[in-house]
Amino acid sequence: MIEIKENIFWVGIKDWEIKTFHGEELSTHRGSTYNSYLIKDEKNVLVDTVWTPFKEEYVARLDAEFGLDNIDAVVVNHSESDHSGSLTHLMSQIPDADIYCTKNGHDMIYRHHHMDWKFNEVKTGDTLKTGKYELVFVEAPMLHWPDSMFTYVKGADLLLSNDAFGQHYATSAMYDDEVDQCELFQEAIKYYANILTPFSSLVKKKIEEFKAMNVPVDMIAPSHGVIWRKDALDIVGKYYEWADAYQEDFVVIAYDTMWNGTKSMAEAIASGLKESRVPYKLFNIAKSDMNDIITQIFRSKGVIVGSPTINRRVLSAVSALIETMKGLRFKNKAGAAFGGYGWSGESVSVIEDGLKSAGIEVAVPGIKFRYNPTSDELEECKQFGKQFAKNLKK
């Protein structure tokens, strides 16, 4: 138990070993944490639990350090298994404790655990007096599940934000001002780009709604990663910026290749961007981490995707990238397609269709060549890069 505010404690788990999240969908190079918080007051309240594999360690430690019988209520800000996975094991030992959650949370907790506990459904503005403190509940649907909510601790100026403002980041430190800032913001923007991008319009509205509540916040404690205490609202400003069709001044070139023909095209296109003074980042999709590429696309002004044609389609790594971009629905980004082929040559049109479906505007018509491109064809690729740069600047 680590005290983060007077009589408010972090009681979570640090998972240094985890390297993928949401099954195998999301890479977590720096591990993660499952942050749970305990409010000791006249009424003792536990806010969120931890992922299922840690349930026995978590509950045993709570019992040893605090005593399970002393827990009066559990707030479930979000029912996903990394937050509520220990709930069945915990509630088997404190079955009379109240559970506070949203209406959607009630349904989703039941669908996860199939138990009828003492549920109390709450909505924005509802409160729970613990004694010195008062909990104020703020619904945050689709940030990032329908049941999501925040819990604001009135009297402590503390926002328990669940997934919002989190990072998959295991560290010996507890707070943002104690860690490497480059690592911290790499993980924070990666988290936003890969999880919250589709809900950006809702992020902006929720931030505006919360600001309108005009409550003081000097600490934000998410459910993953470190706690924000140094200028805590700076990360809220970052989220507002990231939610507003965010972009930085560079282009991503992402490709896969079979016999290096498409690779040579990618490098020639890159030389055209460079001569046009447009910074770029070059990725072989099959040899790079998908979520890291997605993070860079989120940050970029545009993305140029390449693949050879195989079975009238694209290589599987390229297909996976396109499908991921479709789900994330990036805003205000330019795109283009290129590729090699042997006889049919459908890859460029497949990529262009995918970019359009992902909400990315095709800035220049795609380019393709058979087998290994000649020096003249590589020069055309360079000019293709220059034309993309020209259109991007417009």
Protein backbone atom coordinates (compact mmCIF):
# COMPACT_ATOMS: atom_id res chain seq x y z
CA MET A 1 0.00 0.00 0.00
CA ILE A 2 1.50 3.30 -1.14
CA GLU A 3 -0.18 6.47 0.09
CA ILE A 4 -0.77 8.93 -2.78
CA LYS A 5 -3.07 11.30 -0.88
CA GLU A 6 -4.02 11.44 2.76
CA ASN A 7 -5.62 8.04 3.50
CA ILE A 8 -5.79 7.19 -0.22
CA PHE A 9 -3.54 4.34 -1.30
CA TRP A 10 -2.30 2.65 -4.47
CA VAL A 11 -2.85 -1.10 -4.02
CA GLY A 12 -2.21 -2.29 -7.56
CA ILE A 13 0.11 -4.68 -9.37
CA LYS A 14 3.16 -3.95 -11.54
CA ASP A 15 3.49 -6.38 -14.44
CA TRP A 16 7.02 -6.13 -15.79
CA GLU A 17 6.73 -9.20 -18.02
CA ILE A 18 3.64 -8.57 -20.13
CA LYS A 19 4.55 -7.86 -23.77
CA THR A 20 1.12 -7.96 -25.44
CA PHE A 21 -2.29 -6.71 -24.36
CA HIS A 22 -5.88 -7.29 -25.51
CA GLY A 23 -4.81 -10.82 -26.33
CA GLU A 24 -1.98 -10.43 -28.83
CA GLU A 25 -3.39 -7.23 -30.33
CA LEU A 26 -1.38 -4.50 -28.59
CA SER A 27 2.35 -4.48 -27.88
CA THR A 28 3.50 -3.44 -24.41
CA HIS A 29 7.28 -3.18 -24.70
CA ARG A 30 7.65 -1.63 -21.26
CA GLY A 31 5.18 -3.83 -19.42
CA SER A 32 2.15 -2.37 -17.66
CA THR A 33 0.51 -1.82 -14.31
CA TYR A 34 -2.97 -2.55 -13.02
CA ASN A 35 -3.71 0.34 -10.70
CA SER A 36 -6.21 -0.14 -7.92
CA TYR A 37 -6.91 2.46 -5.23
CA LEU A 38 -8.13 2.20 -1.64
CA ILE A 39 -9.81 5.08 0.17
CA LYS A 40 -9.62 4.69 3.96
CA ASP A 41 -12.39 6.72 5.58
CA GLU A 42 -15.50 6.20 7.67
CA LYS A 43 -16.60 4.12 4.69
CA ASN A 44 -13.66 2.25 3.11
CA VAL A 45 -13.90 2.11 -0.68
CA LEU A 46 -11.82 0.13 -3.17
CA VAL A 47 -11.70 1.62 -6.69
CA ASP A 48 -11.07 -0.96 -9.42
CA THR A 49 -9.23 -4.25 -9.01
CA VAL A 50 -6.53 -5.97 -11.11
CA TRP A 51 -6.22 -8.49 -13.93
CA THR A 52 -7.35 -12.07 -13.27
CA PRO A 53 -3.90 -13.81 -13.19
CA PHE A 54 -2.97 -11.67 -10.18
CA LYS A 55 -6.21 -12.15 -8.23
CA GLU A 56 -4.83 -14.34 -5.46
CA GLU A 57 -1.74 -12.20 -4.84
CA TYR A 58 -3.84 -9.04 -4.96
CA VAL A 59 -6.58 -10.20 -2.58
CA ALA A 60 -4.13 -11.82 -0.17
CA ARG A 61 -2.11 -8.61 0.05
CA LEU A 62 -5.23 -6.51 0.61
CA ASP A 63 -6.23 -8.82 3.41
CA ALA A 64 -2.76 -8.80 5.01
CA GLU A 65 -2.21 -5.06 4.75
CA PHE A 66 -5.73 -3.76 5.36
CA GLY A 67 -8.19 -6.55 6.10
CA LEU A 68 -10.85 -7.55 3.60
CA ASP A 69 -13.61 -7.28 6.20
CA ASN A 70 -12.89 -3.55 6.41
CA ILE A 71 -13.87 -2.94 2.76
CA ASP A 72 -17.40 -1.50 2.61
CA ALA A 73 -17.73 -0.83 -1.14
CA VAL A 74 -16.07 -1.40 -4.49
CA VAL A 75 -16.24 1.11 -7.34
CA VAL A 76 -15.90 -0.46 -10.79
CA ASN A 77 -15.03 2.30 -13.23
CA HIS A 78 -14.76 -0.19 -16.10
CA SER A 79 -15.60 -3.90 -16.37
CA GLU A 80 -12.79 -5.01 -18.72
CA SER A 81 -10.85 -7.95 -17.30
CA ASP A 82 -7.64 -6.03 -16.63
CA HIS A 83 -9.63 -3.90 -14.17
CA SER A 84 -12.34 -6.20 -12.82
CA GLY A 85 -10.72 -9.60 -13.32
CA SER A 86 -10.15 -10.12 -9.57
CA LEU A 87 -13.71 -9.19 -8.68
CA THR A 88 -15.14 -12.72 -8.37
CA HIS A 89 -12.31 -13.84 -6.08
CA LEU A 90 -12.56 -10.66 -4.01
CA MET A 91 -16.36 -10.68 -3.69
CA SER A 92 -16.38 -14.34 -2.67
CA GLN A 93 -14.77 -13.11 0.55
CA ILE A 94 -16.75 -9.87 1.01
CA PRO A 95 -20.15 -10.74 -0.54
CA ASP A 96 -22.00 -8.02 1.39
CA ALA A 97 -19.90 -5.15 0.00
CA ASP A 98 -21.71 -2.70 -2.28
CA ILE A 99 -20.62 -2.31 -5.91
CA TYR A 100 -20.94 1.09 -7.60
CA CYS A 101 -20.92 1.23 -11.41
CA THR A 102 -22.82 2.65 -14.36
CA LYS A 103 -25.98 1.03 -15.72
CA ASN A 104 -23.93 -0.36 -18.60
CA GLY A 105 -21.34 -1.44 -16.08
CA HIS A 106 -23.92 -3.48 -14.17
CA ASP A 107 -24.83 -5.42 -17.29
CA MET A 108 -21.23 -5.89 -18.43
CA ILE A 109 -19.93 -6.95 -15.00
CA TYR A 110 -22.67 -9.58 -14.90
CA ARG A 111 -21.75 -10.78 -18.40
CA HIS A 112 -18.13 -11.17 -17.25
CA HIS A 113 -18.70 -12.71 -13.81
CA HIS A 114 -22.29 -14.08 -13.88
CA MET A 115 -22.91 -13.07 -10.29
CA ASP A 116 -25.66 -11.01 -8.66
CA TRP A 117 -23.89 -8.78 -6.17
CA LYS A 118 -25.22 -5.67 -4.39
CA PHE A 119 -25.12 -3.35 -7.39
CA ASN A 120 -25.67 0.39 -7.14
CA GLU A 121 -26.07 2.03 -10.56
CA VAL A 122 -24.74 5.59 -10.78
CA LYS A 123 -24.76 8.35 -13.36
CA THR A 124 -22.88 11.62 -13.83
CA GLY A 125 -23.21 13.81 -10.75
CA ASP A 126 -24.16 11.04 -8.34
CA THR A 127 -22.08 10.98 -5.16
CA LEU A 128 -20.97 8.64 -2.42
CA LYS A 129 -20.00 10.19 0.92
CA THR A 130 -17.16 8.24 2.53
CA GLY A 131 -16.59 10.57 5.49
CA LYS A 132 -13.89 13.17 4.98
CA TYR A 133 -14.13 12.58 1.25
CA GLU A 134 -16.96 12.45 -1.24
CA LEU A 135 -16.82 10.47 -4.48
CA VAL A 136 -18.38 12.12 -7.53
CA PHE A 137 -19.12 9.81 -10.46
CA VAL A 138 -18.71 10.96 -14.07
CA GLU A 139 -19.90 8.70 -16.87
CA ALA A 140 -17.46 8.45 -19.80
CA PRO A 141 -19.14 6.08 -22.27
CA MET A 142 -16.92 4.81 -25.10
CA LEU A 143 -13.73 6.00 -23.41
CA HIS A 144 -13.20 3.31 -24.32
CA TRP A 145 -16.14 0.97 -23.45
CA PRO A 146 -19.84 1.79 -22.98
CA ASP A 147 -19.55 1.29 -19.22
CA SER A 148 -16.51 3.53 -18.59
CA MET A 149 -16.63 6.22 -15.92
CA PHE A 150 -14.35 8.44 -13.83
CA THR A 151 -14.43 8.78 -10.06
CA TYR A 152 -13.52 12.21 -8.69
CA VAL A 153 -12.51 12.34 -5.02
CA LYS A 154 -13.86 15.62 -3.68
CA GLY A 155 -11.69 16.91 -0.89
CA ALA A 156 -8.56 15.29 -2.33
CA ASP A 157 -8.60 17.04 -5.75
CA LEU A 158 -7.99 13.58 -7.22
CA LEU A 159 -9.39 12.14 -10.45
CA LEU A 160 -9.42 8.34 -10.72
CA SER A 161 -9.69 8.19 -14.51
CA ASN A 162 -9.46 4.47 -15.27
CA ASP A 163 -8.21 3.96 -18.86
CA ALA A 164 -8.14 7.64 -19.79
CA PHE A 165 -4.69 9.22 -19.44
CA GLY A 166 -3.07 5.82 -18.94
CA GLN A 167 0.08 4.27 -20.34
CA HIS A 168 1.28 0.68 -20.58
CA TYR A 169 4.40 1.43 -18.60
CA ALA A 170 5.88 -0.53 -15.71
CA THR A 171 8.39 1.45 -13.65
CA SER A 172 9.79 1.41 -10.14
CA ALA A 173 8.51 4.97 -9.76
CA MET A 174 4.94 5.96 -8.96
CA TYR A 175 4.62 9.45 -10.47
CA ASP A 176 5.10 11.19 -13.80
CA ASP A 177 7.81 13.54 -12.53
CA GLU A 178 9.95 10.58 -11.41
CA VAL A 179 10.34 8.89 -14.81
CA ASP A 180 11.99 9.47 -18.18
CA GLN A 181 9.70 11.97 -19.91
CA CYS A 182 10.48 10.65 -23.39
CA GLU A 183 9.49 7.12 -22.38
CA LEU A 184 6.39 8.37 -20.60
CA PHE A 185 5.00 10.36 -23.51
CA GLN A 186 5.96 7.67 -26.03
CA GLU A 187 3.74 5.30 -24.09
CA ALA A 188 0.99 7.86 -23.49
CA ILE A 189 0.61 8.75 -27.17
CA LYS A 190 0.91 5.10 -28.22
CA TYR A 191 -1.92 4.29 -25.81
CA TYR A 192 -4.07 7.07 -27.24
CA ALA A 193 -3.27 6.29 -30.88
CA ASN A 194 -4.03 2.58 -30.70
CA ILE A 195 -6.98 2.59 -28.30
CA LEU A 196 -8.73 5.96 -28.13
CA THR A 197 -8.37 7.38 -31.66
CA PRO A 198 -11.82 6.17 -32.84
CA PHE A 199 -13.42 8.00 -29.94
CA SER A 200 -11.63 11.32 -30.36
CA SER A 201 -14.80 13.38 -30.76
CA LEU A 202 -16.10 11.90 -27.50
CA VAL A 203 -12.76 12.62 -25.80
CA LYS A 204 -13.08 16.32 -26.65
CA LYS A 205 -16.68 16.48 -25.44
CA LYS A 206 -15.89 14.69 -22.18
CA ILE A 207 -12.93 16.98 -21.47
CA GLU A 208 -15.11 20.03 -22.11
CA GLU A 209 -17.85 18.58 -19.90
CA PHE A 210 -15.43 17.82 -17.07
CA LYS A 211 -13.84 21.28 -17.28
CA ALA A 212 -17.32 22.79 -17.03
CA MET A 213 -17.73 21.06 -13.67
CA ASN A 214 -15.02 23.46 -12.46
CA VAL A 215 -13.56 21.12 -9.87
CA PRO A 216 -9.92 21.38 -8.75
CA VAL A 217 -7.61 18.58 -9.94
CA ASP A 218 -4.02 18.33 -8.81
CA MET A 219 -3.57 14.59 -9.39
CA ILE A 220 -4.86 12.17 -12.03
CA ALA A 221 -4.54 8.49 -11.21
CA PRO A 222 -5.26 6.23 -14.20
CA SER A 223 -5.56 2.45 -14.21
CA HIS A 224 -2.34 1.84 -16.15
CA GLY A 225 1.08 3.39 -15.75
CA VAL A 226 2.21 6.27 -13.58
CA ILE A 227 0.11 8.82 -11.70
CA TRP A 228 0.11 12.40 -13.01
CA ARG A 229 0.90 14.89 -10.24
CA LYS A 230 3.23 17.52 -11.74
CA ASP A 231 0.91 19.90 -13.61
CA ALA A 232 -1.55 17.02 -13.76
CA LEU A 233 -3.89 18.75 -16.20
CA ASP A 234 -1.13 18.92 -18.83
CA ILE A 235 -2.01 15.38 -19.93
CA VAL A 236 -5.65 16.49 -20.28
CA GLY A 237 -4.43 19.24 -22.62
CA LYS A 238 -2.45 16.66 -24.57
CA TYR A 239 -5.53 14.49 -24.96
CA TYR A 240 -7.51 17.47 -26.20
CA GLU A 241 -4.75 18.17 -28.74
CA TRP A 242 -4.50 14.53 -29.82
CA ALA A 243 -8.28 14.34 -30.22
CA ASP A 244 -8.30 17.25 -32.70
CA ALA A 245 -7.14 15.56 -35.96
CA TYR A 246 -3.60 15.57 -34.59
CA GLN A 247 -0.57 15.65 -36.89
CA GLU A 248 3.13 16.43 -36.91
CA ASP A 249 5.31 17.43 -39.84
CA PHE A 250 6.38 14.11 -41.35
CA VAL A 251 5.17 11.28 -43.58
CA VAL A 252 5.14 7.54 -42.92
CA ILE A 253 6.13 5.13 -45.68
CA ALA A 254 5.02 1.61 -44.75
CA TYR A 255 5.56 -1.37 -47.05
CA ASP A 256 6.16 -5.08 -47.30
CA THR A 257 8.13 -6.79 -50.02
CA MET A 258 8.79 -10.27 -51.42
CA TRP A 259 11.98 -9.90 -53.47
CA ASN A 260 12.90 -6.29 -52.62
CA GLY A 261 11.26 -4.69 -55.66
CA THR A 262 8.69 -2.88 -53.52
CA LYS A 263 11.42 -2.05 -51.01
CA SER A 264 13.46 -0.29 -53.71
CA MET A 265 10.34 1.66 -54.72
CA ALA A 266 9.80 2.72 -51.09
CA GLU A 267 13.35 3.99 -50.81
CA ALA A 268 13.06 5.91 -54.10
CA ILE A 269 9.81 7.53 -52.95
CA ALA A 270 11.58 8.46 -49.72
CA SER A 271 14.34 10.18 -51.68
CA GLY A 272 11.69 12.26 -53.44
CA LEU A 273 10.24 13.34 -50.11
CA LYS A 274 13.69 14.18 -48.82
CA GLU A 275 14.52 16.35 -51.84
CA SER A 276 11.21 18.12 -51.22
CA ARG A 277 12.26 18.75 -47.60
CA VAL A 278 9.49 16.58 -46.19
CA PRO A 279 10.66 14.44 -43.25
CA TYR A 280 9.68 10.79 -43.39
CA LYS A 281 9.83 7.53 -41.44
CA LEU A 282 10.26 4.26 -43.31
CA PHE A 283 8.89 0.93 -42.04
CA ASN A 284 8.92 -2.61 -43.35
CA ILE A 285 5.55 -3.60 -41.93
CA ALA A 286 6.37 -7.31 -41.59
CA LYS A 287 9.56 -6.55 -39.63
CA SER A 288 8.21 -3.73 -37.46
CA ASP A 289 5.81 -3.62 -34.55
CA MET A 290 2.30 -2.88 -35.83
CA ASN A 291 1.30 -0.67 -32.90
CA ASP A 292 4.48 1.37 -33.19
CA ILE A 293 3.72 1.97 -36.88
CA ILE A 294 0.14 2.96 -36.02
CA THR A 295 1.47 5.43 -33.46
CA GLN A 296 3.67 7.05 -36.09
CA ILE A 297 0.80 7.19 -38.59
CA PHE A 298 -1.34 8.85 -35.91
CA ARG A 299 1.39 11.48 -35.45
CA SER A 300 2.01 11.98 -39.19
CA LYS A 301 0.54 14.21 -41.88
CA GLY A 302 0.30 11.36 -44.34
CA VAL A 303 0.98 7.70 -45.04
CA ILE A 304 2.24 6.02 -48.21
CA VAL A 305 1.59 2.27 -48.27
CA GLY A 306 3.20 -0.28 -50.59
CA SER A 307 2.85 -3.97 -51.35
CA PRO A 308 3.49 -6.39 -54.18
CA THR A 309 0.45 -8.17 -55.55
CA ILE A 310 -0.15 -11.71 -54.33
CA ASN A 311 -3.26 -13.67 -55.30
CA ARG A 312 -4.77 -10.43 -56.56
CA ARG A 313 -4.45 -8.89 -53.10
CA VAL A 314 -1.69 -7.54 -50.84
CA LEU A 315 0.72 -9.24 -48.46
CA SER A 316 -0.84 -10.19 -45.12
CA ALA A 317 1.12 -7.66 -43.04
CA VAL A 318 -0.09 -4.84 -45.30
CA SER A 319 -3.65 -6.13 -45.12
CA ALA A 320 -3.47 -6.14 -41.31
CA LEU A 321 -2.21 -2.55 -41.27
CA ILE A 322 -5.01 -1.39 -43.57
CA GLU A 323 -7.67 -3.15 -41.49
CA THR A 324 -6.29 -1.59 -38.33
CA MET A 325 -6.38 1.89 -39.89
CA LYS A 326 -9.98 1.31 -40.96
CA GLY A 327 -10.95 0.66 -37.36
CA LEU A 328 -9.08 3.67 -36.00
CA ARG A 329 -10.52 6.13 -38.54
CA PHE A 330 -7.74 8.72 -38.63
CA LYS A 331 -8.69 12.29 -39.55
CA ASN A 332 -7.09 14.88 -41.83
CA LYS A 333 -4.36 12.68 -43.31
CA ALA A 334 -3.20 12.23 -46.90
CA GLY A 335 -2.33 8.87 -48.39
CA ALA A 336 -1.00 7.11 -51.46
CA ALA A 337 -0.24 3.59 -52.71
CA PHE A 338 2.56 1.87 -54.61
CA GLY A 339 3.69 -1.65 -55.36
CA GLY A 340 5.32 -4.20 -57.57
CA TYR A 341 3.61 -7.02 -59.43
CA GLY A 342 4.24 -9.86 -61.84
CA TRP A 343 1.17 -10.12 -64.04
CA SER A 344 -2.13 -8.87 -62.53
CA GLY A 345 -1.18 -5.87 -60.33
CA GLU A 346 -4.19 -5.32 -58.07
CA SER A 347 -2.28 -4.31 -54.93
CA VAL A 348 -2.32 -0.57 -55.58
CA SER A 349 -6.08 -0.42 -56.05
CA VAL A 350 -6.60 -2.62 -52.97
CA ILE A 351 -4.48 -0.24 -50.89
CA GLU A 352 -6.18 2.87 -52.28
CA ASP A 353 -9.61 1.42 -51.48
CA GLY A 354 -8.38 0.61 -47.98
CA LEU A 355 -7.04 4.11 -47.41
CA LYS A 356 -10.33 5.64 -48.51
CA SER A 357 -12.24 3.29 -46.18
CA ALA A 358 -9.96 4.44 -43.36
CA GLY A 359 -10.89 8.07 -44.01
CA ILE A 360 -7.53 8.91 -45.59
CA GLU A 361 -7.58 11.04 -48.73
CA VAL A 362 -5.60 9.63 -51.66
CA ALA A 363 -3.39 12.58 -52.59
CA VAL A 364 -1.82 11.19 -55.78
CA PRO A 365 -2.75 8.23 -58.02
CA GLY A 366 -0.88 5.06 -57.13
CA ILE A 367 2.21 3.82 -58.95
CA LYS A 368 3.23 0.24 -59.81
CA PHE A 369 5.91 -1.56 -61.82
CA ARG A 370 6.54 -5.16 -62.83
CA TYR A 371 9.10 -7.18 -60.93
CA ASN A 372 12.30 -5.24 -60.19
CA PRO A 373 11.93 -1.59 -61.25
CA THR A 374 14.47 -0.14 -63.68
CA SER A 375 16.50 2.97 -62.93
CA ASP A 376 14.03 5.00 -64.99
CA GLU A 377 11.12 3.55 -63.04
CA LEU A 378 12.83 4.31 -59.74
CA GLU A 379 13.21 7.88 -60.95
CA GLU A 380 9.44 7.89 -61.50
CA CYS A 381 9.06 6.73 -57.90
CA LYS A 382 11.19 9.66 -56.78
CA GLN A 383 8.96 12.02 -58.74
CA PHE A 384 5.95 10.31 -57.18
CA GLY A 385 7.37 11.19 -53.76
CA LYS A 386 7.91 14.78 -54.86
CA GLN A 387 4.35 15.07 -56.15
CA PHE A 388 2.99 13.66 -52.88
CA ALA A 389 5.07 16.24 -50.99
CA LYS A 390 3.75 19.02 -53.22
CA ASN A 391 0.14 18.00 -52.71
CA LEU A 392 0.74 17.59 -48.98
CA LYS A 393 2.04 21.16 -48.69
CA LYS A 394 -1.08 22.45 -50.42
